[in-house]
């Protein structure tokens, strides 16, 4: 049996409504760093030394969130390709724009765009995003039995839940239904979901750490 603790990164500059930056380069705020310290302590209290791996996305904000726990455990983190956040807005289109403008672009994306559309050459399609989440789930299933800690992102975690629930994601109507779903369940910064994978049972996922006092993402407030 595998237990995978999925952690959304701490508050980022983007979450706090800061200036637009390339998705991979967005760093944590001071609050995000405090959240990272707190979740590291929670993991230590909850799991002790019973850790088989620490995993991060290639985006810097997950690596910064993992750093306190990495230092505490002395385990080299593994970067998992495909674990990064959905990159659906083109940085070329949002560079230098206001938060209100970016909010409108995001809303328009989910209404106007097709599952195979890209907002720009430096973005990805919804279908590409869904496919890589499914591929990472298969990687999770291939992990050795034990306890694994994974630092990832909000929309990514919501899509994982969507797929575990067996919900379809292959056409425009399903894409818009997912958007409604994920806006309502997206984990707050440094909340933790536990994914249990067992050879004889379907995958199960549940929230095991809530952060109700953490600010909502700027576009959700």
N, C-alpha and C. Protein backbone atom coordinates (compact mmCIF):
# COMPACT_ATOMS: atom_id res chain seq x y z
N UNK A 1 0.85 -1.19 0.00
CA UNK A 1 0.00 0.00 0.00
C UNK A 1 0.88 1.24 0.00
N UNK A 2 0.43 2.26 -0.72
CA UNK A 2 1.13 3.54 -0.78
C UNK A 2 0.25 4.63 -0.20
N UNK A 3 0.83 5.47 0.62
CA UNK A 3 0.15 6.67 1.09
C UNK A 3 0.95 7.87 0.62
N UNK A 4 0.28 8.71 -0.17
CA UNK A 4 0.95 9.86 -0.79
C UNK A 4 0.31 11.13 -0.24
N UNK A 5 1.11 11.90 0.45
CA UNK A 5 0.65 13.15 1.05
C UNK A 5 0.90 14.29 0.05
N UNK A 6 -0.17 14.82 -0.49
CA UNK A 6 -0.12 15.87 -1.51
C UNK A 6 -0.31 17.23 -0.85
N UNK A 7 0.67 18.10 -1.02
CA UNK A 7 0.67 19.39 -0.36
C UNK A 7 0.64 20.49 -1.40
N UNK A 8 -0.31 21.39 -1.28
CA UNK A 8 -0.28 22.57 -2.14
C UNK A 8 0.79 23.52 -1.59
N UNK A 9 1.55 24.13 -2.47
CA UNK A 9 2.61 25.04 -2.06
C UNK A 9 2.08 26.18 -1.21
N UNK A 10 2.98 26.86 -0.50
CA UNK A 10 2.61 28.03 0.28
C UNK A 10 2.21 29.20 -0.61
N UNK A 11 1.68 30.24 0.04
CA UNK A 11 1.20 31.40 -0.72
C UNK A 11 2.31 31.95 -1.62
N UNK A 12 1.98 32.13 -2.88
CA UNK A 12 2.94 32.66 -3.85
C UNK A 12 2.63 34.12 -4.13
N UNK A 13 3.57 34.78 -4.80
CA UNK A 13 3.32 36.17 -5.21
C UNK A 13 2.09 36.28 -6.08
N UNK A 14 1.86 35.29 -6.92
CA UNK A 14 0.67 35.29 -7.77
C UNK A 14 -0.60 35.13 -6.95
N UNK A 15 -0.59 34.20 -5.99
CA UNK A 15 -1.76 34.00 -5.13
C UNK A 15 -2.15 35.29 -4.41
N UNK A 16 -1.12 36.08 -4.06
CA UNK A 16 -1.35 37.31 -3.31
C UNK A 16 -1.68 38.50 -4.21
N UNK A 17 -1.75 38.26 -5.52
CA UNK A 17 -2.13 39.33 -6.44
C UNK A 17 -0.98 40.20 -6.91
N UNK A 18 0.24 39.65 -6.85
CA UNK A 18 1.41 40.39 -7.29
C UNK A 18 1.50 40.51 -8.80
N UNK A 19 2.59 41.12 -9.26
CA UNK A 19 2.79 41.30 -10.69
C UNK A 19 2.88 39.97 -11.41
N UNK A 20 2.50 39.96 -12.68
CA UNK A 20 2.58 38.74 -13.49
C UNK A 20 4.03 38.33 -13.66
N UNK A 21 4.28 37.02 -13.55
CA UNK A 21 5.60 36.45 -13.75
C UNK A 21 5.44 35.14 -14.52
N UNK A 22 6.49 34.66 -15.17
CA UNK A 22 6.42 33.32 -15.77
C UNK A 22 6.07 32.29 -14.68
N UNK A 23 5.17 31.39 -15.00
CA UNK A 23 4.62 30.48 -13.99
C UNK A 23 5.70 29.72 -13.22
N UNK A 24 6.71 29.25 -13.92
CA UNK A 24 7.73 28.44 -13.27
C UNK A 24 8.58 29.23 -12.30
N UNK A 25 8.60 30.56 -12.43
CA UNK A 25 9.50 31.39 -11.64
C UNK A 25 8.83 32.10 -10.46
N UNK A 26 7.54 31.88 -10.27
CA UNK A 26 6.81 32.56 -9.19
C UNK A 26 7.28 32.03 -7.84
N UNK A 27 7.69 32.92 -6.95
CA UNK A 27 8.22 32.54 -5.65
C UNK A 27 7.18 32.71 -4.54
N UNK A 28 7.53 32.22 -3.36
CA UNK A 28 6.66 32.36 -2.19
C UNK A 28 6.74 33.77 -1.63
N UNK A 29 5.65 34.20 -1.01
CA UNK A 29 5.64 35.41 -0.20
C UNK A 29 6.22 35.08 1.17
N UNK A 30 6.38 36.11 2.00
CA UNK A 30 6.81 35.88 3.39
C UNK A 30 5.80 34.98 4.10
N UNK A 31 4.51 35.20 3.87
CA UNK A 31 3.49 34.33 4.46
C UNK A 31 3.65 32.90 3.95
N UNK A 32 3.94 32.75 2.66
CA UNK A 32 4.12 31.42 2.09
C UNK A 32 5.27 30.67 2.76
N UNK A 33 6.33 31.38 3.09
CA UNK A 33 7.46 30.74 3.76
C UNK A 33 7.08 30.31 5.18
N UNK A 34 6.28 31.12 5.86
CA UNK A 34 5.80 30.73 7.18
C UNK A 34 4.90 29.50 7.08
N UNK A 35 4.06 29.46 6.05
CA UNK A 35 3.19 28.29 5.85
C UNK A 35 4.03 27.05 5.58
N UNK A 36 5.12 27.20 4.83
CA UNK A 36 6.00 26.07 4.54
C UNK A 36 6.62 25.51 5.82
N UNK A 37 7.03 26.38 6.72
CA UNK A 37 7.59 25.94 8.00
C UNK A 37 6.53 25.19 8.80
N UNK A 38 5.31 25.73 8.80
CA UNK A 38 4.24 25.12 9.58
C UNK A 38 3.87 23.74 9.05
N UNK A 39 3.78 23.59 7.74
CA UNK A 39 3.40 22.29 7.20
C UNK A 39 4.53 21.28 7.38
N UNK A 40 5.77 21.74 7.37
CA UNK A 40 6.90 20.84 7.65
C UNK A 40 6.79 20.29 9.05
N UNK A 41 6.43 21.16 10.00
CA UNK A 41 6.27 20.69 11.38
C UNK A 41 5.10 19.72 11.50
N UNK A 42 4.02 20.02 10.77
CA UNK A 42 2.86 19.12 10.79
C UNK A 42 3.23 17.75 10.24
N UNK A 43 3.96 17.72 9.14
CA UNK A 43 4.38 16.45 8.56
C UNK A 43 5.26 15.66 9.54
N UNK A 44 6.17 16.36 10.18
CA UNK A 44 7.04 15.71 11.15
C UNK A 44 6.25 15.13 12.31
N UNK A 45 5.30 15.91 12.83
CA UNK A 45 4.47 15.44 13.94
C UNK A 45 3.58 14.28 13.53
N UNK A 46 3.11 14.30 12.28
CA UNK A 46 2.15 13.30 11.81
C UNK A 46 2.85 12.02 11.35
N UNK A 47 3.97 12.16 10.65
CA UNK A 47 4.61 11.01 10.01
C UNK A 47 5.89 10.56 10.70
N UNK A 48 6.45 11.41 11.53
CA UNK A 48 7.73 11.07 12.14
C UNK A 48 8.81 10.89 11.08
N UNK A 49 9.58 9.84 11.23
CA UNK A 49 10.64 9.55 10.25
C UNK A 49 10.19 8.58 9.17
N UNK A 50 8.90 8.29 9.16
CA UNK A 50 8.36 7.28 8.24
C UNK A 50 8.12 7.88 6.86
N UNK A 51 9.20 8.29 6.18
CA UNK A 51 9.12 8.94 4.88
C UNK A 51 9.99 8.17 3.90
N UNK A 52 9.42 7.78 2.78
CA UNK A 52 10.19 7.06 1.76
C UNK A 52 10.68 7.97 0.64
N UNK A 53 9.99 9.08 0.39
CA UNK A 53 10.48 10.02 -0.62
C UNK A 53 9.80 11.36 -0.43
N UNK A 54 10.49 12.42 -0.89
CA UNK A 54 9.94 13.77 -0.98
C UNK A 54 10.01 14.16 -2.45
N UNK A 55 8.89 14.66 -2.98
CA UNK A 55 8.79 14.96 -4.41
C UNK A 55 8.27 16.37 -4.61
N UNK A 56 8.74 17.03 -5.66
CA UNK A 56 8.34 18.40 -5.95
C UNK A 56 8.09 18.54 -7.44
N UNK A 57 7.40 19.63 -7.80
CA UNK A 57 7.28 19.96 -9.22
C UNK A 57 8.51 20.76 -9.64
N UNK A 58 8.61 21.03 -10.93
CA UNK A 58 9.74 21.81 -11.42
C UNK A 58 9.55 23.31 -11.21
N UNK A 59 8.42 23.73 -10.67
CA UNK A 59 8.17 25.13 -10.40
C UNK A 59 8.77 25.49 -9.04
N UNK A 60 9.39 26.65 -8.97
CA UNK A 60 10.20 27.00 -7.80
C UNK A 60 9.37 27.10 -6.52
N UNK A 61 8.10 27.46 -6.61
CA UNK A 61 7.34 27.65 -5.39
C UNK A 61 7.10 26.34 -4.63
N UNK A 62 7.03 25.21 -5.34
CA UNK A 62 6.92 23.94 -4.62
C UNK A 62 8.25 23.58 -3.97
N UNK A 63 9.34 23.88 -4.64
CA UNK A 63 10.65 23.57 -4.09
C UNK A 63 10.95 24.42 -2.86
N UNK A 64 10.53 25.68 -2.88
CA UNK A 64 10.69 26.53 -1.70
C UNK A 64 9.81 26.04 -0.54
N UNK A 65 8.61 25.57 -0.86
CA UNK A 65 7.72 25.06 0.18
C UNK A 65 8.29 23.79 0.81
N UNK A 66 8.91 22.95 0.01
CA UNK A 66 9.47 21.70 0.49
C UNK A 66 10.73 21.90 1.31
N UNK A 67 11.43 23.01 1.11
CA UNK A 67 12.77 23.16 1.67
C UNK A 67 12.86 22.95 3.18
N UNK A 68 11.96 23.50 4.00
CA UNK A 68 12.08 23.25 5.44
C UNK A 68 11.98 21.76 5.80
N UNK A 69 11.12 21.03 5.13
CA UNK A 69 10.97 19.60 5.42
C UNK A 69 12.16 18.82 4.88
N UNK A 70 12.66 19.22 3.71
CA UNK A 70 13.85 18.59 3.14
C UNK A 70 15.03 18.71 4.10
N UNK A 71 15.22 19.90 4.62
CA UNK A 71 16.33 20.13 5.55
C UNK A 71 16.14 19.33 6.84
N UNK A 72 14.92 19.26 7.31
CA UNK A 72 14.63 18.52 8.53
C UNK A 72 14.86 17.02 8.36
N UNK A 73 14.47 16.48 7.21
CA UNK A 73 14.54 15.04 6.99
C UNK A 73 15.88 14.60 6.40
N UNK A 74 16.58 15.52 5.75
CA UNK A 74 17.82 15.14 5.09
C UNK A 74 17.61 14.23 3.89
N UNK A 75 16.48 14.42 3.19
CA UNK A 75 16.15 13.60 2.02
C UNK A 75 16.20 14.49 0.78
N UNK A 76 16.92 14.07 -0.24
CA UNK A 76 16.99 14.83 -1.47
C UNK A 76 15.66 14.76 -2.21
N UNK A 77 15.04 15.89 -2.52
CA UNK A 77 13.75 15.84 -3.22
C UNK A 77 13.90 15.40 -4.67
N UNK A 78 12.87 14.75 -5.17
CA UNK A 78 12.81 14.28 -6.55
C UNK A 78 11.87 15.19 -7.32
N UNK A 79 12.33 15.71 -8.45
CA UNK A 79 11.48 16.53 -9.31
C UNK A 79 10.71 15.60 -10.25
N UNK A 80 9.39 15.66 -10.17
CA UNK A 80 8.53 14.84 -11.04
C UNK A 80 8.03 15.69 -12.19
N UNK A 81 8.40 15.33 -13.40
CA UNK A 81 7.90 16.00 -14.59
C UNK A 81 6.39 15.73 -14.71
N UNK A 82 5.62 16.78 -14.94
CA UNK A 82 4.16 16.63 -15.04
C UNK A 82 3.43 17.07 -13.80
N UNK A 83 4.17 17.30 -12.71
CA UNK A 83 3.55 17.67 -11.43
C UNK A 83 3.26 19.17 -11.35
N UNK A 84 3.76 19.94 -12.32
CA UNK A 84 3.63 21.40 -12.28
C UNK A 84 2.19 21.85 -12.56
N UNK A 85 1.93 23.11 -12.20
CA UNK A 85 0.58 23.66 -12.34
C UNK A 85 0.18 23.82 -13.81
N UNK A 86 -1.13 23.85 -14.03
CA UNK A 86 -1.70 24.09 -15.35
C UNK A 86 -1.28 25.48 -15.83
N UNK A 87 -0.58 25.53 -16.95
CA UNK A 87 -0.04 26.78 -17.48
C UNK A 87 -0.92 27.24 -18.64
N UNK A 88 -2.14 27.70 -18.32
CA UNK A 88 -3.09 27.99 -19.39
C UNK A 88 -3.09 29.43 -19.87
N UNK A 89 -2.47 30.34 -19.10
CA UNK A 89 -2.37 31.72 -19.56
C UNK A 89 -0.98 31.99 -20.10
N UNK A 90 -0.90 32.56 -21.26
CA UNK A 90 0.38 32.90 -21.87
C UNK A 90 1.01 34.08 -21.13
N UNK A 91 2.26 33.93 -20.71
CA UNK A 91 2.93 35.05 -20.03
C UNK A 91 3.07 36.24 -20.97
N UNK A 92 3.26 35.99 -22.24
CA UNK A 92 3.36 37.07 -23.22
C UNK A 92 2.11 37.94 -23.19
N UNK A 93 0.96 37.30 -22.94
CA UNK A 93 -0.31 38.03 -22.94
C UNK A 93 -0.58 38.75 -21.63
N UNK A 94 0.04 38.31 -20.53
CA UNK A 94 -0.29 38.90 -19.22
C UNK A 94 0.84 39.76 -18.65
N UNK A 95 1.99 39.74 -19.26
CA UNK A 95 3.14 40.51 -18.75
C UNK A 95 2.78 41.99 -18.67
N UNK A 96 2.92 42.56 -17.48
CA UNK A 96 2.66 43.99 -17.29
C UNK A 96 1.20 44.36 -17.15
N UNK A 97 0.31 43.38 -17.06
CA UNK A 97 -1.12 43.67 -16.97
C UNK A 97 -1.57 43.74 -15.51
N UNK A 98 -2.77 44.27 -15.30
CA UNK A 98 -3.33 44.40 -13.96
C UNK A 98 -3.94 43.07 -13.51
N UNK A 99 -4.15 42.95 -12.20
CA UNK A 99 -4.79 41.76 -11.65
C UNK A 99 -6.21 41.60 -12.21
N UNK A 100 -6.96 42.70 -12.31
CA UNK A 100 -8.32 42.61 -12.84
C UNK A 100 -8.31 42.10 -14.28
N UNK A 101 -7.36 42.55 -15.06
CA UNK A 101 -7.26 42.08 -16.45
C UNK A 101 -6.96 40.59 -16.49
N UNK A 102 -6.06 40.12 -15.63
CA UNK A 102 -5.71 38.70 -15.61
C UNK A 102 -6.87 37.86 -15.14
N UNK A 103 -7.63 38.37 -14.19
CA UNK A 103 -8.84 37.66 -13.75
C UNK A 103 -9.80 37.46 -14.92
N UNK A 104 -9.99 38.53 -15.71
CA UNK A 104 -10.92 38.43 -16.84
C UNK A 104 -10.40 37.46 -17.88
N UNK A 105 -9.11 37.48 -18.16
CA UNK A 105 -8.53 36.53 -19.11
C UNK A 105 -8.76 35.09 -18.65
N UNK A 106 -8.56 34.87 -17.35
CA UNK A 106 -8.75 33.52 -16.81
C UNK A 106 -10.21 33.09 -16.96
N UNK A 107 -11.14 33.98 -16.62
CA UNK A 107 -12.56 33.65 -16.77
C UNK A 107 -12.90 33.35 -18.22
N UNK A 108 -12.37 34.18 -19.14
CA UNK A 108 -12.65 33.99 -20.56
C UNK A 108 -12.09 32.66 -21.06
N UNK A 109 -10.93 32.28 -20.57
CA UNK A 109 -10.31 31.04 -21.02
C UNK A 109 -11.28 29.87 -20.85
N UNK A 110 -11.88 29.77 -19.68
CA UNK A 110 -12.72 28.60 -19.39
C UNK A 110 -14.06 28.62 -20.12
N UNK A 111 -14.45 29.78 -20.63
CA UNK A 111 -15.71 29.90 -21.37
C UNK A 111 -15.49 29.78 -22.87
N UNK A 112 -14.44 30.42 -23.36
CA UNK A 112 -14.23 30.59 -24.80
C UNK A 112 -13.39 29.47 -25.42
N UNK A 113 -12.41 28.99 -24.69
CA UNK A 113 -11.41 28.12 -25.29
C UNK A 113 -11.88 26.68 -25.41
N UNK A 114 -11.29 25.99 -26.37
CA UNK A 114 -11.53 24.58 -26.62
C UNK A 114 -10.51 23.75 -25.85
N UNK A 115 -10.81 22.47 -25.62
CA UNK A 115 -9.90 21.61 -24.86
C UNK A 115 -8.52 21.51 -25.51
N UNK A 116 -8.44 21.74 -26.82
CA UNK A 116 -7.16 21.63 -27.51
C UNK A 116 -6.51 22.98 -27.82
N UNK A 117 -7.16 24.07 -27.43
CA UNK A 117 -6.61 25.40 -27.69
C UNK A 117 -5.50 25.74 -26.72
N UNK A 118 -4.56 26.52 -27.20
CA UNK A 118 -3.54 27.14 -26.35
C UNK A 118 -3.72 28.64 -26.41
N UNK A 119 -3.47 29.31 -25.28
CA UNK A 119 -3.56 30.76 -25.25
C UNK A 119 -2.33 31.40 -25.89
N UNK A 120 -1.27 30.62 -26.07
CA UNK A 120 -0.04 31.10 -26.68
C UNK A 120 0.97 29.98 -26.76
N UNK A 121 2.07 30.23 -27.42
CA UNK A 121 3.10 29.20 -27.58
C UNK A 121 3.73 28.80 -26.25
N UNK A 122 3.68 29.71 -25.27
CA UNK A 122 4.28 29.42 -23.97
C UNK A 122 3.25 28.91 -22.96
N UNK A 123 2.11 28.43 -23.44
CA UNK A 123 1.09 27.85 -22.57
C UNK A 123 0.77 26.44 -23.05
N UNK A 124 -0.15 25.76 -22.36
CA UNK A 124 -0.54 24.41 -22.76
C UNK A 124 -2.05 24.31 -22.86
N UNK A 125 -2.52 23.29 -23.55
CA UNK A 125 -3.96 23.09 -23.68
C UNK A 125 -4.50 22.33 -22.47
N UNK A 126 -5.80 22.41 -22.32
CA UNK A 126 -6.47 21.67 -21.24
C UNK A 126 -6.27 20.18 -21.40
N UNK A 127 -6.34 19.68 -22.61
CA UNK A 127 -6.15 18.24 -22.83
C UNK A 127 -4.73 17.82 -22.44
N UNK A 128 -3.76 18.64 -22.78
CA UNK A 128 -2.37 18.32 -22.40
C UNK A 128 -2.23 18.26 -20.88
N UNK A 129 -2.85 19.21 -20.20
CA UNK A 129 -2.82 19.23 -18.75
C UNK A 129 -3.45 17.97 -18.16
N UNK A 130 -4.65 17.63 -18.63
CA UNK A 130 -5.34 16.44 -18.11
C UNK A 130 -4.52 15.18 -18.34
N UNK A 131 -3.90 15.10 -19.50
CA UNK A 131 -3.11 13.91 -19.83
C UNK A 131 -1.92 13.76 -18.90
N UNK A 132 -1.24 14.85 -18.60
CA UNK A 132 -0.06 14.70 -17.75
C UNK A 132 -0.44 14.42 -16.29
N UNK A 133 -1.59 14.92 -15.82
CA UNK A 133 -2.04 14.54 -14.47
C UNK A 133 -2.30 13.03 -14.42
N UNK A 134 -2.96 12.51 -15.46
CA UNK A 134 -3.21 11.06 -15.51
C UNK A 134 -1.91 10.27 -15.55
N UNK A 135 -0.92 10.79 -16.26
CA UNK A 135 0.37 10.10 -16.35
C UNK A 135 1.09 10.10 -15.00
N UNK A 136 1.00 11.20 -14.26
CA UNK A 136 1.63 11.23 -12.94
C UNK A 136 0.92 10.30 -11.98
N UNK A 137 -0.41 10.19 -12.08
CA UNK A 137 -1.13 9.22 -11.25
C UNK A 137 -0.60 7.81 -11.48
N UNK A 138 -0.31 7.48 -12.72
CA UNK A 138 0.27 6.17 -13.02
C UNK A 138 1.67 6.04 -12.40
N UNK A 139 2.43 7.13 -12.38
CA UNK A 139 3.73 7.11 -11.71
C UNK A 139 3.56 6.88 -10.21
N UNK A 140 2.55 7.50 -9.63
CA UNK A 140 2.28 7.27 -8.21
C UNK A 140 2.00 5.79 -7.95
N UNK A 141 1.21 5.19 -8.82
CA UNK A 141 0.86 3.77 -8.64
C UNK A 141 2.09 2.87 -8.74
N UNK A 142 3.12 3.33 -9.47
CA UNK A 142 4.33 2.53 -9.65
C UNK A 142 5.36 2.77 -8.54
N UNK A 143 5.09 3.71 -7.64
CA UNK A 143 6.02 3.97 -6.54
C UNK A 143 6.09 2.75 -5.61
N UNK A 144 7.19 2.57 -4.91
CA UNK A 144 7.26 1.49 -3.92
C UNK A 144 6.23 1.71 -2.82
N UNK A 145 5.76 0.62 -2.21
CA UNK A 145 4.88 0.77 -1.06
C UNK A 145 5.57 1.61 0.00
N UNK A 146 4.77 2.39 0.71
CA UNK A 146 5.33 3.23 1.76
C UNK A 146 4.66 4.59 1.77
N UNK A 147 5.36 5.56 2.36
CA UNK A 147 4.82 6.90 2.56
C UNK A 147 5.64 7.90 1.74
N UNK A 148 4.96 8.65 0.91
CA UNK A 148 5.62 9.60 0.01
C UNK A 148 4.98 10.98 0.18
N UNK A 149 5.82 12.00 0.18
CA UNK A 149 5.36 13.38 0.32
C UNK A 149 5.56 14.08 -1.01
N UNK A 150 4.50 14.75 -1.48
CA UNK A 150 4.51 15.37 -2.81
C UNK A 150 4.03 16.81 -2.70
N UNK A 151 4.87 17.75 -3.10
CA UNK A 151 4.52 19.17 -3.11
C UNK A 151 4.10 19.56 -4.52
N UNK A 152 2.86 20.05 -4.65
CA UNK A 152 2.34 20.35 -5.97
C UNK A 152 1.49 21.61 -5.94
N UNK A 153 0.41 21.67 -6.72
CA UNK A 153 -0.31 22.92 -6.99
C UNK A 153 -1.82 22.71 -6.88
N UNK A 154 -2.54 23.84 -6.75
CA UNK A 154 -3.97 23.78 -6.48
C UNK A 154 -4.82 23.19 -7.59
N UNK A 155 -4.73 23.73 -8.81
CA UNK A 155 -5.55 23.19 -9.90
C UNK A 155 -5.12 21.75 -10.20
N UNK A 156 -3.84 21.48 -10.10
CA UNK A 156 -3.33 20.12 -10.32
C UNK A 156 -3.98 19.14 -9.35
N UNK A 157 -4.04 19.51 -8.08
CA UNK A 157 -4.65 18.63 -7.08
C UNK A 157 -6.15 18.44 -7.36
N UNK A 158 -6.81 19.52 -7.77
CA UNK A 158 -8.24 19.41 -8.08
C UNK A 158 -8.47 18.47 -9.26
N UNK A 159 -7.61 18.53 -10.27
CA UNK A 159 -7.75 17.63 -11.41
C UNK A 159 -7.49 16.18 -11.00
N UNK A 160 -6.54 15.96 -10.11
CA UNK A 160 -6.30 14.60 -9.63
C UNK A 160 -7.55 14.06 -8.94
N UNK A 161 -8.17 14.87 -8.09
CA UNK A 161 -9.40 14.44 -7.43
C UNK A 161 -10.48 14.14 -8.47
N UNK A 162 -10.62 15.02 -9.46
CA UNK A 162 -11.62 14.85 -10.53
C UNK A 162 -11.44 13.51 -11.24
N UNK A 163 -10.19 13.18 -11.54
CA UNK A 163 -9.93 11.93 -12.24
C UNK A 163 -10.14 10.72 -11.34
N UNK A 164 -9.77 10.82 -10.09
CA UNK A 164 -9.99 9.71 -9.16
C UNK A 164 -11.48 9.44 -8.99
N UNK A 165 -12.28 10.50 -9.06
CA UNK A 165 -13.73 10.34 -8.98
C UNK A 165 -14.33 9.75 -10.26
N UNK A 166 -13.49 9.58 -11.28
CA UNK A 166 -13.95 8.99 -12.53
C UNK A 166 -14.69 9.94 -13.43
N UNK A 167 -14.47 11.25 -13.23
CA UNK A 167 -15.17 12.24 -14.05
C UNK A 167 -14.48 12.41 -15.40
N UNK A 168 -15.23 12.55 -16.46
CA UNK A 168 -14.64 12.71 -17.80
C UNK A 168 -14.09 14.13 -17.98
N UNK A 169 -13.17 14.26 -18.93
CA UNK A 169 -12.53 15.56 -19.13
C UNK A 169 -12.13 15.78 -20.58
N UNK A 170 -12.84 15.17 -21.52
CA UNK A 170 -12.37 15.16 -22.89
C UNK A 170 -13.05 16.15 -23.83
N UNK A 171 -14.09 16.84 -23.37
CA UNK A 171 -14.72 17.80 -24.28
C UNK A 171 -14.98 19.12 -23.55
N UNK A 172 -15.50 20.10 -24.28
CA UNK A 172 -15.65 21.44 -23.74
C UNK A 172 -16.61 21.51 -22.57
N UNK A 173 -17.74 20.80 -22.66
CA UNK A 173 -18.71 20.81 -21.58
C UNK A 173 -18.08 20.24 -20.30
N UNK A 174 -17.32 19.16 -20.43
CA UNK A 174 -16.67 18.56 -19.27
C UNK A 174 -15.60 19.48 -18.70
N UNK A 175 -14.93 20.21 -19.57
CA UNK A 175 -13.92 21.19 -19.15
C UNK A 175 -14.57 22.27 -18.28
N UNK A 176 -15.71 22.76 -18.68
CA UNK A 176 -16.38 23.82 -17.92
C UNK A 176 -16.95 23.28 -16.60
N UNK A 177 -17.39 22.04 -16.59
CA UNK A 177 -17.84 21.43 -15.34
C UNK A 177 -16.68 21.27 -14.36
N UNK A 178 -15.52 20.90 -14.90
CA UNK A 178 -14.36 20.80 -14.03
C UNK A 178 -14.04 22.15 -13.41
N UNK A 179 -14.12 23.22 -14.20
CA UNK A 179 -13.82 24.55 -13.67
C UNK A 179 -14.73 24.88 -12.48
N UNK A 180 -16.01 24.59 -12.61
CA UNK A 180 -16.94 24.83 -11.50
C UNK A 180 -16.54 24.01 -10.27
N UNK A 181 -16.18 22.77 -10.52
CA UNK A 181 -15.78 21.87 -9.43
C UNK A 181 -14.52 22.38 -8.75
N UNK A 182 -13.51 22.70 -9.53
CA UNK A 182 -12.22 23.04 -8.92
C UNK A 182 -12.26 24.39 -8.20
N UNK A 183 -13.07 25.31 -8.67
CA UNK A 183 -13.20 26.59 -7.97
C UNK A 183 -13.80 26.40 -6.58
N UNK A 184 -14.59 25.34 -6.42
CA UNK A 184 -15.25 25.10 -5.13
C UNK A 184 -14.41 24.26 -4.17
N UNK A 185 -13.47 23.46 -4.70
CA UNK A 185 -12.73 22.56 -3.82
C UNK A 185 -11.22 22.80 -3.81
N UNK A 186 -10.73 23.75 -4.58
CA UNK A 186 -9.29 23.95 -4.66
C UNK A 186 -8.67 24.09 -3.27
N UNK A 187 -7.67 23.29 -2.95
CA UNK A 187 -7.04 23.40 -1.63
C UNK A 187 -6.42 24.77 -1.42
N UNK A 188 -6.50 25.25 -0.19
CA UNK A 188 -5.79 26.48 0.14
C UNK A 188 -4.30 26.18 0.29
N UNK A 189 -3.51 27.23 0.34
CA UNK A 189 -2.06 27.04 0.43
C UNK A 189 -1.69 26.20 1.65
N UNK A 190 -0.89 25.17 1.38
CA UNK A 190 -0.35 24.25 2.39
C UNK A 190 -1.40 23.34 3.03
N UNK A 191 -2.59 23.24 2.43
CA UNK A 191 -3.48 22.16 2.82
C UNK A 191 -2.94 20.85 2.25
N UNK A 192 -3.33 19.73 2.88
CA UNK A 192 -2.76 18.43 2.55
C UNK A 192 -3.88 17.43 2.26
N UNK A 193 -3.76 16.74 1.14
CA UNK A 193 -4.62 15.61 0.81
C UNK A 193 -3.80 14.32 0.90
N UNK A 194 -4.42 13.27 1.39
CA UNK A 194 -3.75 11.97 1.44
C UNK A 194 -4.38 11.03 0.41
N UNK A 195 -3.56 10.59 -0.52
CA UNK A 195 -3.97 9.65 -1.55
C UNK A 195 -3.51 8.25 -1.13
N UNK A 196 -4.45 7.32 -1.02
CA UNK A 196 -4.13 5.95 -0.64
C UNK A 196 -4.30 5.05 -1.86
N UNK A 197 -3.24 4.35 -2.20
CA UNK A 197 -3.24 3.44 -3.35
C UNK A 197 -2.97 2.03 -2.86
N UNK A 198 -3.91 1.14 -3.16
CA UNK A 198 -3.83 -0.26 -2.72
C UNK A 198 -4.13 -1.15 -3.91
N UNK A 199 -3.38 -2.21 -4.04
CA UNK A 199 -3.56 -3.08 -5.22
C UNK A 199 -4.96 -3.66 -5.32
N UNK A 200 -5.63 -3.83 -4.19
CA UNK A 200 -6.93 -4.52 -4.19
C UNK A 200 -8.13 -3.59 -4.10
N UNK A 201 -7.89 -2.27 -4.05
CA UNK A 201 -8.99 -1.33 -3.88
C UNK A 201 -8.79 -0.13 -4.80
N UNK A 202 -9.87 0.58 -5.13
CA UNK A 202 -9.73 1.80 -5.93
C UNK A 202 -8.97 2.87 -5.14
N UNK A 203 -8.37 3.83 -5.83
CA UNK A 203 -7.70 4.93 -5.13
C UNK A 203 -8.68 5.68 -4.23
N UNK A 204 -8.18 6.15 -3.09
CA UNK A 204 -9.00 6.94 -2.16
C UNK A 204 -8.23 8.20 -1.80
N UNK A 205 -8.93 9.31 -1.70
CA UNK A 205 -8.26 10.58 -1.38
C UNK A 205 -9.11 11.36 -0.39
N UNK A 206 -8.44 11.96 0.59
CA UNK A 206 -9.15 12.72 1.62
C UNK A 206 -8.27 13.87 2.10
N UNK A 207 -8.90 14.94 2.56
CA UNK A 207 -8.14 16.06 3.13
C UNK A 207 -7.76 15.71 4.56
N UNK A 208 -6.48 15.86 4.89
CA UNK A 208 -6.00 15.53 6.22
C UNK A 208 -5.42 16.73 6.95
N UNK A 209 -5.23 17.83 6.25
CA UNK A 209 -4.81 19.07 6.91
C UNK A 209 -5.54 20.23 6.26
N UNK A 210 -6.30 20.96 7.07
CA UNK A 210 -7.03 22.13 6.59
C UNK A 210 -6.33 23.40 7.03
N UNK A 211 -6.44 24.42 6.20
CA UNK A 211 -5.88 25.74 6.52
C UNK A 211 -6.96 26.78 6.28
N UNK A 212 -8.02 26.71 7.08
CA UNK A 212 -9.18 27.57 6.84
C UNK A 212 -8.86 29.05 7.00
N UNK A 213 -7.80 29.36 7.75
CA UNK A 213 -7.45 30.77 7.95
C UNK A 213 -6.52 31.31 6.86
N UNK A 214 -6.06 30.44 5.99
CA UNK A 214 -5.19 30.90 4.90
C UNK A 214 -6.00 31.74 3.93
N UNK A 215 -5.45 32.84 3.44
CA UNK A 215 -6.19 33.67 2.48
C UNK A 215 -6.54 32.89 1.22
N UNK A 216 -7.68 33.20 0.64
CA UNK A 216 -8.01 32.65 -0.66
C UNK A 216 -7.09 33.25 -1.71
N UNK A 217 -6.94 32.55 -2.82
CA UNK A 217 -6.21 33.12 -3.95
C UNK A 217 -6.85 34.43 -4.35
N UNK A 218 -6.05 35.35 -4.83
CA UNK A 218 -6.54 36.70 -5.12
C UNK A 218 -7.71 36.70 -6.10
N UNK A 219 -7.72 35.78 -7.07
CA UNK A 219 -8.81 35.79 -8.04
C UNK A 219 -10.07 35.12 -7.52
N UNK A 220 -10.00 34.49 -6.32
CA UNK A 220 -11.17 33.87 -5.73
C UNK A 220 -11.80 34.73 -4.65
N UNK A 221 -11.18 35.86 -4.31
CA UNK A 221 -11.68 36.69 -3.23
C UNK A 221 -12.68 37.72 -3.77
